[in-house]
Amino acid sequence: MAQEGFSRYDTADYLKTEDDIAAYLEAVMEDGDPALVAAALGDVARARNMSQLARDVGMSREGLYKALSGEGNPTLATVMKVARALGLRMSFQTSQAHASNGNEAA
């Protein structure tokens, strides 16, 4: 019997367009897990050019891989630098659950 071979799945292979990237990051942000957000930024960075991104952010390529691995613990400053270098903008909005509890600002 022939042995089946499988290639390793890498999300970065499927992040082809800006819309793909935006939808992916929006879905990840819904979960709210900081490690998952960092890993997702790492996926986007791999989909682009990790070496150039590291230069743009002012970090070593290895340091950036580690910070965005999902096991790293990047600072908010690092996350914001990476987002900016990727052409992304971070923003906040009121959650639906918060607004439906009558906690809307007057």
PDB file of N, CA and C in Angstrom:
ATOM      1  N   MET A   1       0.850  -1.176   0.000  1.00  0.00           N
ATOM      2  CA  MET A   1       0.000   0.000   0.000  1.00  0.00           C
ATOM      3  C   MET A   1       0.897   1.241   0.000  1.00  0.00           C
ATOM      4  N   ALA A   2       0.577   2.173  -0.842  1.00  0.00           N
ATOM      5  CA  ALA A   2       1.358   3.407  -0.932  1.00  0.00           C
ATOM      6  C   ALA A   2       1.072   4.300   0.273  1.00  0.00           C
ATOM      7  N   GLN A   3       2.112   4.923   0.751  1.00  0.00           N
ATOM      8  CA  GLN A   3       1.961   5.818   1.892  1.00  0.00           C
ATOM      9  C   GLN A   3       1.547   7.198   1.395  1.00  0.00           C
ATOM     10  N   GLU A   4       0.524   7.758   2.050  1.00  0.00           N
ATOM     11  CA  GLU A   4       0.068   9.084   1.667  1.00  0.00           C
ATOM     12  C   GLU A   4       0.961  10.136   2.281  1.00  0.00           C
ATOM     13  N   GLY A   5       1.194  11.200   1.534  1.00  0.00           N
ATOM     14  CA  GLY A   5       1.995  12.307   2.044  1.00  0.00           C
ATOM     15  C   GLY A   5       1.134  13.551   2.156  1.00  0.00           C
ATOM     16  N   PHE A   6       1.352  14.291   3.191  1.00  0.00           N
ATOM     17  CA  PHE A   6       0.608  15.521   3.409  1.00  0.00           C
ATOM     18  C   PHE A   6       1.582  16.674   3.535  1.00  0.00           C
ATOM     19  N   SER A   7       1.209  17.784   2.949  1.00  0.00           N
ATOM     20  CA  SER A   7       2.045  18.966   3.126  1.00  0.00           C
ATOM     21  C   SER A   7       1.565  19.714   4.362  1.00  0.00           C
ATOM     22  N   ARG A   8       2.464  20.463   4.955  1.00  0.00           N
ATOM     23  CA  ARG A   8       2.153  21.227   6.159  1.00  0.00           C
ATOM     24  C   ARG A   8       1.224  22.375   5.784  1.00  0.00           C
ATOM     25  N   TYR A   9       0.159  22.558   6.550  1.00  0.00           N
ATOM     26  CA  TYR A   9      -0.764  23.658   6.334  1.00  0.00           C
ATOM     27  C   TYR A   9      -0.155  24.938   6.892  1.00  0.00           C
ATOM     28  N   ASP A  10      -0.197  25.991   6.119  1.00  0.00           N
ATOM     29  CA  ASP A  10       0.291  27.292   6.575  1.00  0.00           C
ATOM     30  C   ASP A  10      -0.717  28.346   6.143  1.00  0.00           C
ATOM     31  N   THR A  11      -1.330  28.981   7.113  1.00  0.00           N
ATOM     32  CA  THR A  11      -2.317  30.019   6.842  1.00  0.00           C
ATOM     33  C   THR A  11      -1.760  31.087   5.915  1.00  0.00           C
ATOM     34  N   ALA A  12      -0.484  31.394   6.059  1.00  0.00           N
ATOM     35  CA  ALA A  12       0.142  32.448   5.246  1.00  0.00           C
ATOM     36  C   ALA A  12      -0.013  32.173   3.748  1.00  0.00           C
ATOM     37  N   ASP A  13      -0.102  30.904   3.370  1.00  0.00           N
ATOM     38  CA  ASP A  13      -0.262  30.550   1.955  1.00  0.00           C
ATOM     39  C   ASP A  13      -1.606  31.007   1.395  1.00  0.00           C
ATOM     40  N   TYR A  14      -2.567  31.309   2.243  1.00  0.00           N
ATOM     41  CA  TYR A  14      -3.913  31.657   1.803  1.00  0.00           C
ATOM     42  C   TYR A  14      -4.234  33.140   1.975  1.00  0.00           C
ATOM     43  N   LEU A  15      -3.276  33.899   2.448  1.00  0.00           N
ATOM     44  CA  LEU A  15      -3.484  35.339   2.643  1.00  0.00           C
ATOM     45  C   LEU A  15      -2.920  36.071   1.432  1.00  0.00           C
ATOM     46  N   LYS A  16      -3.678  36.041   0.351  1.00  0.00           N
ATOM     47  CA  LYS A  16      -3.205  36.559  -0.931  1.00  0.00           C
ATOM     48  C   LYS A  16      -3.534  38.038  -1.140  1.00  0.00           C
ATOM     49  N   THR A  17      -4.673  38.490  -0.626  1.00  0.00           N
ATOM     50  CA  THR A  17      -5.116  39.858  -0.898  1.00  0.00           C
ATOM     51  C   THR A  17      -5.283  40.632   0.402  1.00  0.00           C
ATOM     52  N   GLU A  18      -5.403  41.929   0.275  1.00  0.00           N
ATOM     53  CA  GLU A  18      -5.646  42.776   1.443  1.00  0.00           C
ATOM     54  C   GLU A  18      -6.976  42.406   2.106  1.00  0.00           C
ATOM     55  N   ASP A  19      -7.968  42.053   1.301  1.00  0.00           N
ATOM     56  CA  ASP A  19      -9.268  41.639   1.850  1.00  0.00           C
ATOM     57  C   ASP A  19      -9.143  40.338   2.632  1.00  0.00           C
ATOM     58  N   ASP A  20      -8.331  39.395   2.125  1.00  0.00           N
ATOM     59  CA  ASP A  20      -8.087  38.136   2.851  1.00  0.00           C
ATOM     60  C   ASP A  20      -7.476  38.430   4.215  1.00  0.00           C
ATOM     61  N   ILE A  21      -6.478  39.304   4.226  1.00  0.00           N
ATOM     62  CA  ILE A  21      -5.774  39.647   5.459  1.00  0.00           C
ATOM     63  C   ILE A  21      -6.712  40.328   6.444  1.00  0.00           C
ATOM     64  N   ALA A  22      -7.490  41.289   5.960  1.00  0.00           N
ATOM     65  CA  ALA A  22      -8.417  42.019   6.837  1.00  0.00           C
ATOM     66  C   ALA A  22      -9.454  41.078   7.435  1.00  0.00           C
ATOM     67  N   ALA A  23     -10.018  40.190   6.621  1.00  0.00           N
ATOM     68  CA  ALA A  23     -11.035  39.254   7.115  1.00  0.00           C
ATOM     69  C   ALA A  23     -10.431  38.295   8.137  1.00  0.00           C
ATOM     70  N   TYR A  24      -9.236  37.819   7.881  1.00  0.00           N
ATOM     71  CA  TYR A  24      -8.553  36.902   8.796  1.00  0.00           C
ATOM     72  C   TYR A  24      -8.296  37.582  10.142  1.00  0.00           C
ATOM     73  N   LEU A  25      -7.723  38.777  10.113  1.00  0.00           N
ATOM     74  CA  LEU A  25      -7.423  39.468  11.365  1.00  0.00           C
ATOM     75  C   LEU A  25      -8.695  39.850  12.116  1.00  0.00           C
ATOM     76  N   GLU A  26      -9.730  40.221  11.397  1.00  0.00           N
ATOM     77  CA  GLU A  26     -11.001  40.547  12.059  1.00  0.00           C
ATOM     78  C   GLU A  26     -11.560  39.320  12.773  1.00  0.00           C
ATOM     79  N   ALA A  27     -11.493  38.164  12.129  1.00  0.00           N
ATOM     80  CA  ALA A  27     -11.982  36.926  12.749  1.00  0.00           C
ATOM     81  C   ALA A  27     -11.153  36.573  13.988  1.00  0.00           C
ATOM     82  N   VAL A  28      -9.857  36.745  13.902  1.00  0.00           N
ATOM     83  CA  VAL A  28      -8.978  36.445  15.035  1.00  0.00           C
ATOM     84  C   VAL A  28      -9.272  37.390  16.202  1.00  0.00           C
ATOM     85  N   MET A  29      -9.507  38.656  15.898  1.00  0.00           N
ATOM     86  CA  MET A  29      -9.784  39.636  16.947  1.00  0.00           C
ATOM     87  C   MET A  29     -11.089  39.317  17.678  1.00  0.00           C
ATOM     88  N   GLU A  30     -12.022  38.664  17.022  1.00  0.00           N
ATOM     89  CA  GLU A  30     -13.287  38.277  17.665  1.00  0.00           C
ATOM     90  C   GLU A  30     -13.023  37.358  18.853  1.00  0.00           C
ATOM     91  N   ASP A  31     -12.007  36.499  18.731  1.00  0.00           N
ATOM     92  CA  ASP A  31     -11.674  35.579  19.816  1.00  0.00           C
ATOM     93  C   ASP A  31     -11.093  36.325  21.006  1.00  0.00           C
ATOM     94  N   GLY A  32     -10.258  37.327  20.731  1.00  0.00           N
ATOM     95  CA  GLY A  32      -9.706  38.156  21.793  1.00  0.00           C
ATOM     96  C   GLY A  32      -8.495  37.583  22.508  1.00  0.00           C
ATOM     97  N   ASP A  33      -7.979  36.458  22.066  1.00  0.00           N
ATOM     98  CA  ASP A  33      -6.811  35.847  22.694  1.00  0.00           C
ATOM     99  C   ASP A  33      -5.545  36.544  22.194  1.00  0.00           C
ATOM    100  N   PRO A  34      -4.795  37.211  23.082  1.00  0.00           N
ATOM    101  CA  PRO A  34      -3.594  37.938  22.645  1.00  0.00           C
ATOM    102  C   PRO A  34      -2.568  37.060  21.921  1.00  0.00           C
ATOM    103  N   ALA A  35      -2.396  35.822  22.367  1.00  0.00           N
ATOM    104  CA  ALA A  35      -1.434  34.925  21.710  1.00  0.00           C
ATOM    105  C   ALA A  35      -1.891  34.613  20.291  1.00  0.00           C
ATOM    106  N   LEU A  36      -3.190  34.455  20.105  1.00  0.00           N
ATOM    107  CA  LEU A  36      -3.727  34.177  18.776  1.00  0.00           C
ATOM    108  C   LEU A  36      -3.568  35.383  17.863  1.00  0.00           C
ATOM    109  N   VAL A  37      -3.753  36.581  18.415  1.00  0.00           N
ATOM    110  CA  VAL A  37      -3.571  37.809  17.631  1.00  0.00           C
ATOM    111  C   VAL A  37      -2.112  37.921  17.190  1.00  0.00           C
ATOM    112  N   ALA A  38      -1.181  37.678  18.104  1.00  0.00           N
ATOM    113  CA  ALA A  38       0.241  37.731  17.756  1.00  0.00           C
ATOM    114  C   ALA A  38       0.581  36.707  16.682  1.00  0.00           C
ATOM    115  N   ALA A  39       0.060  35.493  16.827  1.00  0.00           N
ATOM    116  CA  ALA A  39       0.313  34.448  15.834  1.00  0.00           C
ATOM    117  C   ALA A  39      -0.286  34.828  14.481  1.00  0.00           C
ATOM    118  N   ALA A  40      -1.462  35.444  14.491  1.00  0.00           N
ATOM    119  CA  ALA A  40      -2.100  35.860  13.237  1.00  0.00           C
ATOM    120  C   ALA A  40      -1.269  36.941  12.545  1.00  0.00           C
ATOM    121  N   LEU A  41      -0.730  37.880  13.322  1.00  0.00           N
ATOM    122  CA  LEU A  41       0.160  38.879  12.730  1.00  0.00           C
ATOM    123  C   LEU A  41       1.397  38.203  12.147  1.00  0.00           C
ATOM    124  N   GLY A  42       1.858  37.149  12.805  1.00  0.00           N
ATOM    125  CA  GLY A  42       2.977  36.371  12.269  1.00  0.00           C
ATOM    126  C   GLY A  42       2.612  35.705  10.954  1.00  0.00           C
ATOM    127  N   ASP A  43       1.387  35.195  10.851  1.00  0.00           N
ATOM    128  CA  ASP A  43       0.922  34.607   9.590  1.00  0.00           C
ATOM    129  C   ASP A  43       0.934  35.651   8.478  1.00  0.00           C
ATOM    130  N   VAL A  44       0.429  36.842   8.793  1.00  0.00           N
ATOM    131  CA  VAL A  44       0.392  37.920   7.798  1.00  0.00           C
ATOM    132  C   VAL A  44       1.820  38.317   7.426  1.00  0.00           C
ATOM    133  N   ALA A  45       2.693  38.404   8.418  1.00  0.00           N
ATOM    134  CA  ALA A  45       4.089  38.765   8.148  1.00  0.00           C
ATOM    135  C   ALA A  45       4.754  37.744   7.229  1.00  0.00           C
ATOM    136  N   ARG A  46       4.467  36.450   7.443  1.00  0.00           N
ATOM    137  CA  ARG A  46       5.036  35.410   6.572  1.00  0.00           C
ATOM    138  C   ARG A  46       4.444  35.482   5.177  1.00  0.00           C
ATOM    139  N   ALA A  47       3.180  35.890   5.080  1.00  0.00           N
ATOM    140  CA  ALA A  47       2.544  36.026   3.767  1.00  0.00           C
ATOM    141  C   ALA A  47       3.173  37.169   2.978  1.00  0.00           C
ATOM    142  N   ARG A  48       3.699  38.130   3.694  1.00  0.00           N
ATOM    143  CA  ARG A  48       4.406  39.256   3.072  1.00  0.00           C
ATOM    144  C   ARG A  48       5.894  38.913   3.085  1.00  0.00           C
ATOM    145  N   ASN A  49       6.742  39.826   3.430  1.00  0.00           N
ATOM    146  CA  ASN A  49       8.184  39.597   3.455  1.00  0.00           C
ATOM    147  C   ASN A  49       8.689  39.806   4.878  1.00  0.00           C
ATOM    148  N   MET A  50       8.908  38.713   5.594  1.00  0.00           N
ATOM    149  CA  MET A  50       9.295  38.791   7.005  1.00  0.00           C
ATOM    150  C   MET A  50      10.608  39.550   7.181  1.00  0.00           C
ATOM    151  N   SER A  51      11.571  39.342   6.298  1.00  0.00           N
ATOM    152  CA  SER A  51      12.866  40.010   6.433  1.00  0.00           C
ATOM    153  C   SER A  51      12.719  41.521   6.293  1.00  0.00           C
ATOM    154  N   GLN A  52      11.967  41.965   5.289  1.00  0.00           N
ATOM    155  CA  GLN A  52      11.762  43.400   5.099  1.00  0.00           C
ATOM    156  C   GLN A  52      10.962  43.974   6.256  1.00  0.00           C
ATOM    157  N   LEU A  53       9.974  43.248   6.712  1.00  0.00           N
ATOM    158  CA  LEU A  53       9.163  43.702   7.845  1.00  0.00           C
ATOM    159  C   LEU A  53      10.031  43.885   9.086  1.00  0.00           C
ATOM    160  N   ALA A  54      10.924  42.944   9.341  1.00  0.00           N
ATOM    161  CA  ALA A  54      11.820  43.047  10.498  1.00  0.00           C
ATOM    162  C   ALA A  54      12.662  44.319  10.394  1.00  0.00           C
ATOM    163  N   ARG A  55      13.166  44.615   9.196  1.00  0.00           N
ATOM    164  CA  ARG A  55      13.938  45.851   9.016  1.00  0.00           C
ATOM    165  C   ARG A  55      13.067  47.071   9.263  1.00  0.00           C
ATOM    166  N   ASP A  56      11.840  47.052   8.746  1.00  0.00           N
ATOM    167  CA  ASP A  56      10.923  48.186   8.905  1.00  0.00           C
ATOM    168  C   ASP A  56      10.575  48.423  10.374  1.00  0.00           C
ATOM    169  N   VAL A  57      10.461  47.348  11.136  1.00  0.00           N
ATOM    170  CA  VAL A  57      10.074  47.434  12.543  1.00  0.00           C
ATOM    171  C   VAL A  57      11.287  47.709  13.435  1.00  0.00           C
ATOM    172  N   GLY A  58      12.485  47.394  12.935  1.00  0.00           N
ATOM    173  CA  GLY A  58      13.693  47.607  13.716  1.00  0.00           C
ATOM    174  C   GLY A  58      14.025  46.446  14.630  1.00  0.00           C
ATOM    175  N   MET A  59      13.678  45.242  14.188  1.00  0.00           N
ATOM    176  CA  MET A  59      13.967  44.033  14.957  1.00  0.00           C
ATOM    177  C   MET A  59      14.711  43.058  14.069  1.00  0.00           C
ATOM    178  N   SER A  60      15.334  42.059  14.697  1.00  0.00           N
ATOM    179  CA  SER A  60      15.929  40.985  13.909  1.00  0.00           C
ATOM    180  C   SER A  60      14.798  40.101  13.384  1.00  0.00           C
ATOM    181  N   ARG A  61      15.069  39.421  12.287  1.00  0.00           N
ATOM    182  CA  ARG A  61      14.069  38.523  11.713  1.00  0.00           C
ATOM    183  C   ARG A  61      13.695  37.439  12.727  1.00  0.00           C
ATOM    184  N   GLU A  62      14.695  36.902  13.402  1.00  0.00           N
ATOM    185  CA  GLU A  62      14.458  35.847  14.390  1.00  0.00           C
ATOM    186  C   GLU A  62      13.642  36.376  15.565  1.00  0.00           C
ATOM    187  N   GLY A  63      13.958  37.593  16.004  1.00  0.00           N
ATOM    188  CA  GLY A  63      13.216  38.205  17.103  1.00  0.00           C
ATOM    189  C   GLY A  63      11.761  38.428  16.745  1.00  0.00           C
ATOM    190  N   LEU A  64      11.531  38.837  15.504  1.00  0.00           N
ATOM    191  CA  LEU A  64      10.161  39.059  15.046  1.00  0.00           C
ATOM    192  C   LEU A  64       9.403  37.737  14.946  1.00  0.00           C
ATOM    193  N   TYR A  65      10.054  36.702  14.415  1.00  0.00           N
ATOM    194  CA  TYR A  65       9.429  35.373  14.369  1.00  0.00           C
ATOM    195  C   TYR A  65       9.018  34.939  15.770  1.00  0.00           C
ATOM    196  N   LYS A  66       9.935  35.104  16.725  1.00  0.00           N
ATOM    197  CA  LYS A  66       9.645  34.684  18.095  1.00  0.00           C
ATOM    198  C   LYS A  66       8.499  35.490  18.691  1.00  0.00           C
ATOM    199  N   ALA A  67       8.521  36.807  18.522  1.00  0.00           N
ATOM    200  CA  ALA A  67       7.475  37.668  19.087  1.00  0.00           C
ATOM    201  C   ALA A  67       6.110  37.340  18.521  1.00  0.00           C
ATOM    202  N   LEU A  68       6.068  36.977  17.236  1.00  0.00           N
ATOM    203  CA  LEU A  68       4.786  36.731  16.566  1.00  0.00           C
ATOM    204  C   LEU A  68       4.478  35.251  16.413  1.00  0.00           C
ATOM    205  N   SER A  69       5.081  34.430  17.227  1.00  0.00           N
ATOM    206  CA  SER A  69       4.888  32.987  17.114  1.00  0.00           C
ATOM    207  C   SER A  69       3.611  32.500  17.785  1.00  0.00           C
ATOM    208  N   GLY A  70       3.007  33.318  18.616  1.00  0.00           N
ATOM    209  CA  GLY A  70       1.883  32.855  19.416  1.00  0.00           C
ATOM    210  C   GLY A  70       2.349  32.398  20.776  1.00  0.00           C
ATOM    211  N   GLU A  71       3.628  32.079  20.885  1.00  0.00           N
ATOM    212  CA  GLU A  71       4.219  31.716  22.167  1.00  0.00           C
ATOM    213  C   GLU A  71       5.049  32.863  22.725  1.00  0.00           C
ATOM    214  N   GLY A  72       5.313  33.849  21.879  1.00  0.00           N
ATOM    215  CA  GLY A  72       6.016  35.041  22.318  1.00  0.00           C
ATOM    216  C   GLY A  72       5.042  35.936  23.068  1.00  0.00           C
ATOM    217  N   ASN A  73       5.550  37.008  23.598  1.00  0.00           N
ATOM    218  CA  ASN A  73       4.698  37.939  24.326  1.00  0.00           C
ATOM    219  C   ASN A  73       5.078  39.357  23.907  1.00  0.00           C
ATOM    220  N   PRO A  74       4.684  39.740  22.668  1.00  0.00           N
ATOM    221  CA  PRO A  74       5.097  41.053  22.177  1.00  0.00           C
ATOM    222  C   PRO A  74       4.423  42.178  22.955  1.00  0.00           C
ATOM    223  N   THR A  75       5.124  43.280  23.058  1.00  0.00           N
ATOM    224  CA  THR A  75       4.523  44.447  23.696  1.00  0.00           C
ATOM    225  C   THR A  75       3.508  45.060  22.748  1.00  0.00           C
ATOM    226  N   LEU A  76       2.645  45.889  23.293  1.00  0.00           N
ATOM    227  CA  LEU A  76       1.691  46.602  22.448  1.00  0.00           C
ATOM    228  C   LEU A  76       2.436  47.470  21.445  1.00  0.00           C
ATOM    229  N   ALA A  77       3.551  48.049  21.860  1.00  0.00           N
ATOM    230  CA  ALA A  77       4.348  48.876  20.950  1.00  0.00           C
ATOM    231  C   ALA A  77       4.823  48.052  19.749  1.00  0.00           C
ATOM    232  N   THR A  78       5.259  46.819  19.997  1.00  0.00           N
ATOM    233  CA  THR A  78       5.706  45.956  18.905  1.00  0.00           C
ATOM    234  C   THR A  78       4.547  45.613  17.985  1.00  0.00           C
ATOM    235  N   VAL A  79       3.410  45.263  18.560  1.00  0.00           N
ATOM    236  CA  VAL A  79       2.226  44.929  17.756  1.00  0.00           C
ATOM    237  C   VAL A  79       1.838  46.117  16.887  1.00  0.00           C
ATOM    238  N   MET A  80       1.868  47.304  17.458  1.00  0.00           N
ATOM    239  CA  MET A  80       1.491  48.497  16.691  1.00  0.00           C
ATOM    240  C   MET A  80       2.505  48.793  15.590  1.00  0.00           C
ATOM    241  N   LYS A  81       3.800  48.617  15.865  1.00  0.00           N
ATOM    242  CA  LYS A  81       4.826  48.824  14.837  1.00  0.00           C
ATOM    243  C   LYS A  81       4.641  47.840  13.692  1.00  0.00           C
ATOM    244  N   VAL A  82       4.378  46.585  14.036  1.00  0.00           N
ATOM    245  CA  VAL A  82       4.178  45.557  13.017  1.00  0.00           C
ATOM    246  C   VAL A  82       2.942  45.889  12.178  1.00  0.00           C
ATOM    247  N   ALA A  83       1.854  46.228  12.847  1.00  0.00           N
ATOM    248  CA  ALA A  83       0.628  46.567  12.123  1.00  0.00           C
ATOM    249  C   ALA A  83       0.880  47.738  11.171  1.00  0.00           C
ATOM    250  N   ARG A  84       1.527  48.774  11.657  1.00  0.00           N
ATOM    251  CA  ARG A  84       1.803  49.948  10.829  1.00  0.00           C
ATOM    252  C   ARG A  84       2.683  49.573   9.634  1.00  0.00           C
ATOM    253  N   ALA A  85       3.728  48.774   9.882  1.00  0.00           N
ATOM    254  CA  ALA A  85       4.628  48.366   8.807  1.00  0.00           C
ATOM    255  C   ALA A  85       3.927  47.493   7.767  1.00  0.00           C
ATOM    256  N   LEU A  86       2.882  46.784   8.200  1.00  0.00           N
ATOM    257  CA  LEU A  86       2.096  45.954   7.273  1.00  0.00           C
ATOM    258  C   LEU A  86       1.007  46.763   6.562  1.00  0.00           C
ATOM    259  N   GLY A  87       0.913  48.046   6.892  1.00  0.00           N
ATOM    260  CA  GLY A  87      -0.118  48.880   6.274  1.00  0.00           C
ATOM    261  C   GLY A  87      -1.477  48.695   6.916  1.00  0.00           C
ATOM    262  N   LEU A  88      -1.479  48.251   8.178  1.00  0.00           N
ATOM    263  CA  LEU A  88      -2.728  48.020   8.902  1.00  0.00           C
ATOM    264  C   LEU A  88      -2.933  49.108   9.945  1.00  0.00           C
ATOM    265  N   ARG A  89      -4.167  49.327  10.309  1.00  0.00           N
ATOM    266  CA  ARG A  89      -4.495  50.298  11.346  1.00  0.00           C
ATOM    267  C   ARG A  89      -5.311  49.583  12.402  1.00  0.00           C
ATOM    268  N   MET A  90      -4.902  49.747  13.645  1.00  0.00           N
ATOM    269  CA  MET A  90      -5.648  49.165  14.753  1.00  0.00           C
ATOM    270  C   MET A  90      -6.689  50.174  15.212  1.00  0.00           C
ATOM    271  N   SER A  91      -7.856  49.675  15.577  1.00  0.00           N
ATOM    272  CA  SER A  91      -8.891  50.566  16.097  1.00  0.00           C
ATOM    273  C   SER A  91      -9.733  49.810  17.121  1.00  0.00           C
ATOM    274  N   PHE A  92     -10.482  50.579  17.883  1.00  0.00           N
ATOM    275  CA  PHE A  92     -11.356  49.992  18.897  1.00  0.00           C
ATOM    276  C   PHE A  92     -12.783  50.395  18.594  1.00  0.00           C
ATOM    277  N   GLN A  93     -13.684  49.514  18.943  1.00  0.00           N
ATOM    278  CA  GLN A  93     -15.105  49.818  18.819  1.00  0.00           C
ATOM    279  C   GLN A  93     -15.840  49.150  19.968  1.00  0.00           C
ATOM    280  N   THR A  94     -16.981  49.668  20.292  1.00  0.00           N
ATOM    281  CA  THR A  94     -17.786  49.102  21.356  1.00  0.00           C
ATOM    282  C   THR A  94     -18.262  47.719  20.945  1.00  0.00           C
ATOM    283  N   SER A  95     -18.163  46.762  21.861  1.00  0.00           N
ATOM    284  CA  SER A  95     -18.643  45.421  21.551  1.00  0.00           C
ATOM    285  C   SER A  95     -20.162  45.406  21.596  1.00  0.00           C
ATOM    286  N   GLN A  96     -20.755  44.531  20.842  1.00  0.00           N
ATOM    287  CA  GLN A  96     -22.214  44.415  20.808  1.00  0.00           C
ATOM    288  C   GLN A  96     -22.752  44.033  22.177  1.00  0.00           C
ATOM    289  N   ALA A  97     -22.059  43.140  22.875  1.00  0.00           N
ATOM    290  CA  ALA A  97     -22.517  42.704  24.195  1.00  0.00           C
ATOM    291  C   ALA A  97     -22.523  43.869  25.169  1.00  0.00           C
ATOM    292  N   HIS A  98     -21.512  44.699  25.111  1.00  0.00           N
ATOM    293  CA  HIS A  98     -21.417  45.858  26.005  1.00  0.00           C
ATOM    294  C   HIS A  98     -22.546  46.845  25.704  1.00  0.00           C
ATOM    295  N   ALA A  99     -22.778  47.102  24.442  1.00  0.00           N
ATOM    296  CA  ALA A  99     -23.809  48.061  24.044  1.00  0.00           C
ATOM    297  C   ALA A  99     -25.208  47.554  24.384  1.00  0.00           C
ATOM    298  N   SER A 100     -25.445  46.245  24.251  1.00  0.00           N
ATOM    299  CA  SER A 100     -26.786  45.716  24.526  1.00  0.00           C
ATOM    300  C   SER A 100     -27.102  45.625  26.004  1.00  0.00           C
ATOM    301  N   ASN A 101     -26.090  45.782  26.863  1.00  0.00           N
ATOM    302  CA  ASN A 101     -26.323  45.768  28.305  1.00  0.00           C
ATOM    303  C   ASN A 101     -26.706  47.145  28.835  1.00  0.00           C
ATOM    304  N   GLY A 102     -26.960  48.068  27.944  1.00  0.00           N
ATOM    305  CA  GLY A 102     -27.359  49.407  28.368  1.00  0.00           C
ATOM    306  C   GLY A 102     -26.188  50.255  28.825  1.00  0.00           C
ATOM    307  N   ASN A 103     -24.970  49.874  28.440  1.00  0.00           N
ATOM    308  CA  ASN A 103     -23.789  50.611  28.855  1.00  0.00           C
ATOM    309  C   ASN A 103     -23.318  51.563  27.776  1.00  0.00           C
ATOM    310  N   GLU A 104     -24.202  52.007  26.926  1.00  0.00           N
ATOM    311  CA  GLU A 104     -23.815  52.922  25.872  1.00  0.00           C
ATOM    312  C   GLU A 104     -23.538  54.302  26.464  1.00  0.00           C
ATOM    313  N   ALA A 105     -22.565  54.966  25.865  1.00  0.00           N
ATOM    314  CA  ALA A 105     -22.248  56.325  26.318  1.00  0.00           C
ATOM    315  C   ALA A 105     -23.349  57.269  25.889  1.00  0.00           C
ATOM    316  N   ALA A 106     -23.644  58.241  26.735  1.00  0.00           N
ATOM    317  CA  ALA A 106     -24.702  59.190  26.420  1.00  0.00           C
ATOM    318  C   ALA A 106     -24.185  60.283  25.532  1.00  0.00           C
TER     319      ALA A 106
END
